[in-house]
Structures are given as C-alpha cells and as structure tokens.
Amino acid sequence: MTTSENKDAGLLEQRYGSAQQKPKNIIWTPAVETILAHKSVRTFLPDNLPEGALETMVAAAQSASNSSALNQWSVVAVSDPSLKQHIADTVARTVPTDRISWIEEAPILLLWVADLSRGAEITRGKGGEPVVLDYLDSFLMASIDATLAAQNAAIAAESIGLGIVYLGVMRNAAKELAEIFNLPAHSFVTFGMAVGCPDASRTSAIRPRPAQPVVLHHNKYQQGRYKQFLQNYEVVCETFRSQQNMRPKTWQDAVYESATSMDYMGGREELRETVQMRGFKLK
C-alpha cells in the first residue's frame, strides 16, 4: 500500500471507526481528502488568519449554489476582540457555562446571515411589495443558501490549514445579535463559525459517523434499516468519547436528550417569535 493509500485508509478509519463497515470505492481527490478530514476545532492559536484567508473563504462561499442566483445571505466577520468577547458573553448566558473559550480564542468569528433585506429593499425601490418574502419557503431558502455558502467557506478554510467550528448556539441569542449588529428587517443570524489556526496540542480528533447504510437509501426510503447498524456505531462512539476524555454517553442517549430536554434549546424555543420580529412572517 502506497503512502497516499495509507493516508486515505486512515481517513476512512477515523471517519467510520474500526467496528463499522466502510465504503470501499471512494474516488479520492484532494478535495475529497480535505472534506473527509474535517473535524470541529475548538482550540486555536493566537495567530491572525493568513493574509487573504477571509477573502478566499468568501469567494468560496459565493461559489456555492444559491437559489435562483438571488444571493440571499450575508456574513459578518467579527475580529474586534472586545466585540467578540461581548458576543461570547452574551451567548454563554444561554448555556450552562461561564465562557465559550473557542469564541474567545478564535481570531475571527463569522456570523452567517439569512438575508432577504436586499431583496425587500430592491423590490420596494421598484415600486412593488415583497409579498413572497412573507412565506415560509422564502425564510427556508435564505437559510439554506447561507448554509451552503458557509460549508463552502469551511472547506476552503480547511484546505489552507485553518480550523473551524460551527456555532448553532448563536440562535440562542438571535434577538440580541440582531440588535448588536443592527441587522435590517428580513435578516437574522442562522449560525456562527469560529475560524483560526488550530492548536495541535489541544485539537480533538475526527468524530466518527454512522455506516453509510444508516443515511444512504436507494430508490426508496428504507424505514428502520438503521437499527441493524446501531450496535457497531455505539462501539465506535464509545471509543471516541473515551479517547477524547468525554463523559460516557451513548449516541442514542444523546439523540434522546436532544429531543426531550428543553435545556438543549437554550432559548431557541423563542426563535419563531424572534424570526417573526425580524420581518419573516412565515406564512
């Protein structure tokens, strides 16, 4: 086996774990290797981003597919330390912790905004009323486009040696963030992304995913098939959590907690009201 083949096999081992079946016919390219090597990074060096890194990420984000080429997203790059700390403190109040260190450590925080404000303003400027923006699909469309853009940016960042972690916790404080950044109507922060140079001495490993038959269906949805793969996935998850010094918890318990504990929401149970206040009527 060549060095390249060893590397690729190692990535699959980390992505699926030794107890699970792995796909045997991956078409390996540099882009695929970057994607399969993804891991959430929550420990950063104090270094600034390399010159041009932010522009590269945004160019990659703008190269993502977007609905009808309407460009219904924006991104706010937060690099001011005091402002970043203010955001970290604001969000930390919504979760059971005093501080969120990865927001504080990362040299830049990106806030990905579902943004229909430009479309609303252009429409009114042309004498019309943006009635279509009142409907749920418009809100969903802008949120999806922001997500596609962010994922492209994440891949670009990782391809140049940076690390990222997504921050859904930003929705816990969606109302506060809209006020802090003076967001216009018809826009809201969908999630954040901390970006920086990973601290290799503290960086976690690739988190394993379930075997492909859990999520891959051919021609029709095969309900319940995932159950036959759970045992092996639980073995892989237990190994990962042990190696990362995480408290013992099964994957199924994590799913259960996320579906039954309102503590998991962290304020997001009020999100519909906040989004509607932002101008999304969600008809």
Protein backbone atom coordinates (compact mmCIF):
# COMPACT_ATOMS: atom_id res chain seq x y z
CA MET A 1 0.00 0.00 0.00
CA THR A 2 1.38 3.42 -1.00
CA THR A 3 1.73 6.38 1.36
CA SER A 4 -1.28 8.01 -0.27
CA GLU A 5 -3.34 4.84 0.08
CA ASN A 6 -2.34 4.56 3.74
CA LYS A 7 -3.43 8.15 4.31
CA ASP A 8 -6.79 7.58 2.62
CA ALA A 9 -7.38 4.36 4.54
CA GLY A 10 -6.54 6.20 7.73
CA LEU A 11 -9.13 8.88 6.98
CA LEU A 12 -11.83 6.26 6.46
CA GLU A 13 -10.79 4.53 9.68
CA GLN A 14 -11.19 7.78 11.58
CA ARG A 15 -14.43 8.74 9.86
CA TYR A 16 -16.18 5.39 10.43
CA GLY A 17 -14.18 3.63 13.14
CA SER A 18 -12.81 0.10 13.19
CA ALA A 19 -16.10 -1.54 14.27
CA GLN A 20 -18.09 -0.35 11.25
CA GLN A 21 -18.14 -1.22 7.58
CA LYS A 22 -16.55 1.35 5.32
CA PRO A 23 -17.13 2.27 1.68
CA LYS A 24 -14.54 0.53 -0.48
CA ASN A 25 -14.82 2.55 -3.68
CA ILE A 26 -14.15 6.15 -2.69
CA ILE A 27 -12.89 8.27 -5.58
CA TRP A 28 -10.01 10.09 -3.93
CA THR A 29 -9.17 13.66 -4.88
CA PRO A 30 -7.51 16.44 -2.86
CA ALA A 31 -10.95 17.99 -2.29
CA VAL A 32 -12.40 14.70 -1.03
CA GLU A 33 -9.44 14.22 1.31
CA THR A 34 -9.96 17.71 2.75
CA ILE A 35 -13.66 17.06 3.32
CA LEU A 36 -13.17 13.63 4.92
CA ALA A 37 -10.51 15.08 7.23
CA HIS A 38 -12.96 17.63 8.65
CA LYS A 39 -13.17 17.95 12.41
CA SER A 40 -14.59 20.61 14.65
CA VAL A 41 -11.78 22.72 16.10
CA ARG A 42 -12.38 24.41 19.44
CA THR A 43 -8.80 25.30 20.38
CA PHE A 44 -6.94 27.99 18.48
CA LEU A 45 -3.54 29.62 18.45
CA PRO A 46 -3.45 33.40 18.97
CA ASP A 47 -2.23 33.92 15.39
CA ASN A 48 -4.24 36.05 12.99
CA LEU A 49 -5.59 34.48 9.83
CA PRO A 50 -3.14 34.43 6.91
CA GLU A 51 -3.47 37.41 4.60
CA GLY A 52 -6.20 36.72 2.05
CA ALA A 53 -7.77 33.86 4.03
CA LEU A 54 -11.05 35.67 4.69
CA GLU A 55 -11.36 36.80 1.09
CA THR A 56 -10.64 33.25 -0.07
CA MET A 57 -13.36 31.88 2.20
CA VAL A 58 -15.90 34.43 1.00
CA ALA A 59 -15.04 33.76 -2.66
CA ALA A 60 -15.60 30.06 -1.98
CA ALA A 61 -18.87 30.88 -0.22
CA GLN A 62 -20.03 32.94 -3.18
CA SER A 63 -19.24 30.00 -5.45
CA ALA A 64 -21.81 27.80 -3.70
CA SER A 65 -25.13 27.15 -5.38
CA ASN A 66 -27.77 29.68 -4.36
CA SER A 67 -31.47 29.78 -5.09
CA SER A 68 -32.22 31.49 -8.42
CA ALA A 69 -28.92 33.44 -8.08
CA LEU A 70 -30.68 35.81 -5.66
CA ASN A 71 -27.71 35.96 -3.24
CA GLN A 72 -29.90 35.90 -0.14
CA TRP A 73 -27.19 35.66 2.51
CA SER A 74 -24.56 37.84 4.13
CA VAL A 75 -21.70 37.21 6.53
CA VAL A 76 -20.47 39.45 9.32
CA ALA A 77 -16.77 38.99 10.11
CA VAL A 78 -16.07 39.87 13.74
CA SER A 79 -12.39 40.41 14.55
CA ASP A 80 -12.58 43.18 17.16
CA PRO A 81 -11.60 41.43 20.43
CA SER A 82 -13.97 43.43 22.64
CA LEU A 83 -16.93 42.87 20.34
CA LYS A 84 -16.10 39.18 20.03
CA GLN A 85 -15.92 38.93 23.83
CA HIS A 86 -19.28 40.66 24.11
CA ILE A 87 -20.80 38.08 21.79
CA ALA A 88 -19.16 35.24 23.71
CA ASP A 89 -20.52 36.58 27.00
CA THR A 90 -23.98 37.08 25.53
CA VAL A 91 -24.17 33.55 24.20
CA ALA A 92 -22.58 31.99 27.30
CA ARG A 93 -25.51 33.25 29.37
CA THR A 94 -27.81 30.94 27.40
CA VAL A 95 -25.90 27.73 28.19
CA PRO A 96 -24.63 26.15 31.43
CA THR A 97 -21.12 27.58 31.25
CA ASP A 98 -19.29 30.73 32.27
CA ARG A 99 -17.46 31.14 28.98
CA ILE A 100 -17.18 29.71 25.49
CA SER A 101 -13.42 29.63 25.05
CA TRP A 102 -13.35 28.84 21.34
CA ILE A 103 -15.24 32.03 20.53
CA GLU A 104 -12.78 33.99 22.65
CA GLU A 105 -9.69 32.28 21.21
CA ALA A 106 -10.54 32.30 17.52
CA PRO A 107 -9.11 35.38 15.78
CA ILE A 108 -12.28 35.76 13.77
CA LEU A 109 -15.93 34.91 14.24
CA LEU A 110 -18.18 34.67 11.20
CA LEU A 111 -21.91 35.22 11.60
CA TRP A 112 -23.83 33.75 8.68
CA VAL A 113 -26.97 35.73 8.00
CA ALA A 114 -30.08 34.61 6.15
CA ASP A 115 -30.64 37.90 4.39
CA LEU A 116 -33.73 38.86 2.44
CA SER A 117 -33.29 42.55 3.26
CA ARG A 118 -31.63 43.41 -0.05
CA GLY A 119 -34.43 41.76 -2.00
CA ALA A 120 -37.07 43.58 0.04
CA GLU A 121 -35.37 46.94 -0.45
CA ILE A 122 -34.83 46.44 -4.19
CA THR A 123 -38.45 45.36 -4.64
CA ARG A 124 -39.82 48.40 -2.80
CA GLY A 125 -37.43 50.64 -4.70
CA LYS A 126 -39.03 49.41 -7.90
CA GLY A 127 -42.50 50.21 -6.57
CA GLY A 128 -43.56 46.74 -5.53
CA GLU A 129 -44.30 44.96 -2.27
CA PRO A 130 -42.23 41.83 -1.47
CA VAL A 131 -45.23 39.65 -0.59
CA VAL A 132 -43.45 36.40 -1.46
CA LEU A 133 -40.93 37.05 1.32
CA ASP A 134 -43.73 36.61 3.86
CA TYR A 135 -43.86 32.88 3.19
CA LEU A 136 -42.04 30.06 4.94
CA ASP A 137 -40.27 28.95 1.78
CA SER A 138 -38.50 32.30 1.44
CA PHE A 139 -37.19 32.02 5.01
CA LEU A 140 -36.10 28.44 4.36
CA MET A 141 -34.49 29.36 1.04
CA ALA A 142 -32.35 32.11 2.59
CA SER A 143 -31.36 29.83 5.49
CA ILE A 144 -30.35 27.04 3.11
CA ASP A 145 -28.35 29.42 0.92
CA ALA A 146 -26.48 30.76 3.96
CA THR A 147 -25.68 27.19 4.98
CA LEU A 148 -24.41 26.19 1.54
CA ALA A 149 -22.22 29.28 1.44
CA ALA A 150 -20.81 28.60 4.91
CA GLN A 151 -19.94 25.00 4.09
CA ASN A 152 -18.01 26.09 1.02
CA ALA A 153 -16.15 28.60 3.18
CA ALA A 154 -15.39 25.90 5.76
CA ILE A 155 -13.88 23.60 3.13
CA ALA A 156 -11.80 26.46 1.75
CA ALA A 157 -10.54 27.29 5.25
CA GLU A 158 -9.58 23.70 5.99
CA SER A 159 -7.84 23.35 2.63
CA ILE A 160 -5.39 26.11 3.64
CA GLY A 161 -4.73 24.64 7.06
CA LEU A 162 -7.23 26.56 9.17
CA GLY A 163 -9.76 25.04 11.55
CA ILE A 164 -13.42 25.86 12.06
CA VAL A 165 -16.30 25.03 14.32
CA TYR A 166 -19.94 25.78 13.59
CA LEU A 167 -21.87 27.62 16.30
CA GLY A 168 -25.57 26.86 16.26
CA VAL A 169 -25.62 28.35 19.75
CA MET A 170 -25.80 31.78 18.10
CA ARG A 171 -29.51 31.15 17.57
CA ASN A 172 -29.89 31.08 21.36
CA ALA A 173 -29.28 34.83 21.25
CA ALA A 174 -30.72 35.62 17.82
CA LYS A 175 -32.63 38.64 19.10
CA GLU A 176 -29.63 40.09 20.94
CA LEU A 177 -27.31 39.56 17.97
CA ALA A 178 -29.72 41.33 15.63
CA GLU A 179 -29.65 44.31 17.97
CA ILE A 180 -25.88 44.26 18.48
CA PHE A 181 -25.21 44.28 14.72
CA ASN A 182 -28.15 46.48 13.75
CA LEU A 183 -29.40 43.90 11.29
CA PRO A 184 -32.09 45.15 8.91
CA ALA A 185 -35.56 43.65 8.76
CA HIS A 186 -35.78 40.34 6.88
CA SER A 187 -32.40 39.13 8.18
CA PHE A 188 -31.21 37.04 11.12
CA VAL A 189 -28.09 35.15 12.22
CA THR A 190 -28.59 31.50 11.32
CA PHE A 191 -25.37 30.30 12.99
CA GLY A 192 -21.79 31.30 13.62
CA MET A 193 -18.40 29.90 12.72
CA ALA A 194 -15.19 30.33 14.70
CA VAL A 195 -12.11 30.29 12.44
CA GLY A 196 -8.41 30.20 13.22
CA CYS A 197 -5.14 28.31 13.25
CA PRO A 198 -5.71 25.08 15.19
CA ASP A 199 -3.69 24.47 18.33
CA ALA A 200 -2.45 20.96 17.50
CA SER A 201 -1.59 20.28 21.14
CA ARG A 202 -5.27 20.59 22.11
CA THR A 203 -7.22 19.80 18.95
CA SER A 204 -9.73 16.95 19.06
CA ALA A 205 -9.91 14.04 16.63
CA ILE A 206 -12.24 13.36 13.72
CA ARG A 207 -15.65 12.40 15.13
CA PRO A 208 -16.90 9.16 13.56
CA ARG A 209 -20.15 8.98 11.61
CA PRO A 210 -22.51 6.01 11.24
CA ALA A 211 -22.04 3.49 8.46
CA GLN A 212 -23.36 4.70 5.13
CA PRO A 213 -26.48 2.44 5.06
CA VAL A 214 -27.83 4.43 8.01
CA VAL A 215 -28.19 7.52 5.82
CA LEU A 216 -27.97 6.21 2.23
CA HIS A 217 -31.16 4.88 0.65
CA HIS A 218 -31.55 3.62 -2.91
CA ASN A 219 -34.71 4.42 -4.85
CA LYS A 220 -36.96 4.41 -1.77
CA TYR A 221 -36.62 5.16 1.94
CA GLN A 222 -35.93 2.01 3.91
CA GLN A 223 -37.53 2.83 7.25
CA GLY A 224 -36.00 1.18 10.30
CA ARG A 225 -32.98 -0.26 8.48
CA TYR A 226 -30.67 1.92 10.55
CA LYS A 227 -31.35 -0.22 13.64
CA GLN A 228 -29.17 -3.08 12.45
CA PHE A 229 -26.15 -0.74 12.36
CA LEU A 230 -26.63 0.93 15.75
CA GLN A 231 -24.66 -1.53 17.87
CA ASN A 232 -21.45 -1.10 15.91
CA TYR A 233 -21.88 2.67 15.81
CA GLU A 234 -22.31 2.75 19.57
CA VAL A 235 -19.00 0.88 19.93
CA VAL A 236 -17.29 3.46 17.74
CA CYS A 237 -18.87 6.37 19.63
CA GLU A 238 -17.88 4.90 23.00
CA THR A 239 -14.28 4.53 21.83
CA PHE A 240 -14.19 8.11 20.55
CA ARG A 241 -15.65 9.58 23.72
CA SER A 242 -13.22 7.61 25.86
CA GLN A 243 -10.22 8.71 23.80
CA GLN A 244 -11.35 12.34 23.99
CA ASN A 245 -11.91 12.16 27.77
CA MET A 246 -15.61 12.91 27.31
CA ARG A 247 -18.19 11.69 29.79
CA PRO A 248 -19.74 8.32 28.92
CA LYS A 249 -22.90 8.65 26.84
CA THR A 250 -24.33 6.59 24.02
CA TRP A 251 -25.29 8.14 20.71
CA GLN A 252 -28.90 7.10 21.26
CA ASP A 253 -28.89 8.79 24.66
CA ALA A 254 -27.60 11.97 23.00
CA VAL A 255 -30.43 11.78 20.47
CA TYR A 256 -32.94 11.22 23.29
CA GLU A 257 -31.67 14.16 25.33
CA SER A 258 -31.77 16.49 22.33
CA ALA A 259 -35.39 15.55 21.70
CA THR A 260 -36.69 15.67 25.27
CA SER A 261 -34.70 18.23 27.27
CA MET A 262 -35.75 21.85 26.93
CA ASP A 263 -32.33 22.76 28.36
CA TYR A 264 -30.97 21.71 24.95
CA MET A 265 -32.92 24.58 23.37
CA GLY A 266 -31.07 27.27 25.33
CA GLY A 267 -33.61 29.92 24.37
CA ARG A 268 -34.28 28.70 20.85
CA GLU A 269 -37.82 27.79 21.87
CA GLU A 270 -38.47 31.51 21.34
CA LEU A 271 -36.91 31.52 17.86
CA ARG A 272 -40.19 31.69 15.93
CA GLU A 273 -41.15 34.89 17.76
CA THR A 274 -37.70 36.38 17.18
CA VAL A 275 -37.69 35.50 13.48
CA GLN A 276 -41.15 36.98 13.03
CA MET A 277 -39.98 40.15 14.78
CA ARG A 278 -37.17 40.26 12.23
CA GLY A 279 -39.80 40.56 9.46
CA PHE A 280 -40.22 36.93 8.45
CA LYS A 281 -43.97 36.26 8.68
CA LEU A 282 -43.56 32.51 7.99
CA LYS A 283 -46.94 32.12 6.30
